[in-house]
Amino acid sequence: MKKADARTERRGATLKPCCLISEILEEAGLDRERARELRRQILQGVILMCQWQLERMEQASAEPVQAETGARRPRARRVDLD
């Protein structure tokens, strides 16, 4: 962070918080375009997950509702392997 401090001193003014964040990201190897690309990928992943969940909900509502009279799926059973 000493580089940023030296740059600030040369300018004779303090940097805005958004500029400081940009400099920190730049020093970490993430430029603005790469950060935007990562943000876009994350948002697309969230959208995909939400769409998948909506499809699951629609499929579940389309299946007939089983009566509460014990018509459940059988429980998983433990299997011993020899």
Protein backbone atom coordinates (compact mmCIF):
# COMPACT_ATOMS: atom_id res chain seq x y z
CA MET A 1 0.00 0.00 0.00
CA LYS A 2 3.08 2.21 0.13
CA LYS A 3 2.83 2.80 -3.62
CA ALA A 4 -0.67 4.19 -3.25
CA ASP A 5 0.47 6.44 -0.40
CA ALA A 6 3.35 7.77 -2.51
CA ARG A 7 0.99 8.47 -5.40
CA THR A 8 -1.39 10.28 -3.07
CA GLU A 9 1.38 12.41 -1.64
CA ARG A 10 2.59 13.40 -5.11
CA ARG A 11 -0.87 14.57 -6.04
CA GLY A 12 -1.16 16.49 -2.82
CA ALA A 13 -4.70 15.27 -2.16
CA THR A 14 -6.42 12.27 -0.71
CA LEU A 15 -8.05 9.74 -2.98
CA LYS A 16 -11.74 8.96 -2.99
CA PRO A 17 -12.72 5.58 -1.53
CA CYS A 18 -13.73 4.29 -4.96
CA CYS A 19 -10.28 5.17 -6.32
CA LEU A 20 -8.61 3.43 -3.40
CA ILE A 21 -10.61 0.28 -4.07
CA SER A 22 -9.67 0.43 -7.74
CA GLU A 23 -6.00 0.74 -6.81
CA ILE A 24 -6.21 -2.15 -4.34
CA LEU A 25 -7.85 -4.35 -6.97
CA GLU A 26 -5.27 -3.27 -9.53
CA GLU A 27 -2.41 -4.17 -7.18
CA ALA A 28 -4.05 -7.56 -6.58
CA GLY A 29 -4.09 -8.17 -10.32
CA LEU A 30 -7.78 -7.50 -10.92
CA ASP A 31 -8.48 -4.68 -13.28
CA ARG A 32 -11.89 -3.13 -13.74
CA GLU A 33 -12.72 -5.30 -16.76
CA ARG A 34 -11.80 -8.53 -14.96
CA ALA A 35 -13.86 -7.53 -11.89
CA ARG A 36 -16.83 -6.78 -14.15
CA GLU A 37 -16.39 -10.16 -15.85
CA LEU A 38 -16.32 -11.97 -12.50
CA ARG A 39 -19.39 -10.07 -11.28
CA ARG A 40 -21.23 -10.99 -14.47
CA GLN A 41 -20.35 -14.69 -14.10
CA ILE A 42 -21.53 -14.71 -10.49
CA LEU A 43 -24.83 -13.06 -11.40
CA GLN A 44 -25.37 -15.50 -14.28
CA GLY A 45 -24.75 -18.37 -11.87
CA VAL A 46 -27.30 -17.00 -9.42
CA ILE A 47 -29.84 -16.60 -12.23
CA LEU A 48 -29.22 -20.16 -13.41
CA MET A 49 -29.64 -21.50 -9.87
CA CYS A 50 -32.93 -19.57 -9.44
CA GLN A 51 -34.27 -20.87 -12.77
CA TRP A 52 -33.36 -24.44 -11.76
CA GLN A 53 -35.12 -24.01 -8.43
CA LEU A 54 -38.24 -22.63 -10.14
CA GLU A 55 -38.30 -25.64 -12.49
CA ARG A 56 -38.06 -27.98 -9.50
CA MET A 57 -40.94 -26.17 -7.81
CA GLU A 58 -43.08 -26.40 -10.95
CA GLN A 59 -42.35 -30.12 -11.31
CA ALA A 60 -43.24 -30.71 -7.68
CA SER A 61 -46.56 -28.89 -8.05
CA ALA A 62 -47.38 -30.84 -11.24
CA GLU A 63 -46.96 -34.22 -9.48
CA PRO A 64 -50.08 -35.59 -7.80
CA VAL A 65 -50.18 -35.08 -4.07
CA GLN A 66 -50.02 -38.35 -2.16
CA ALA A 67 -52.56 -38.95 0.54
CA GLU A 68 -51.41 -38.85 4.14
CA THR A 69 -52.56 -42.48 4.58
CA GLY A 70 -49.04 -43.82 4.57
CA ALA A 71 -48.42 -43.79 0.82
CA ARG A 72 -44.89 -42.56 1.32
CA ARG A 73 -41.73 -43.51 -0.44
CA PRO A 74 -39.96 -46.38 1.29
CA ARG A 75 -37.18 -45.38 3.63
CA ALA A 76 -33.59 -45.99 2.75
CA ARG A 77 -32.24 -49.23 4.14
CA ARG A 78 -28.76 -50.03 5.32
CA VAL A 79 -27.04 -52.65 3.21
CA ASP A 80 -24.14 -54.65 4.59
CA LEU A 81 -21.46 -55.54 2.11
CA ASP A 82 -19.39 -58.67 2.61
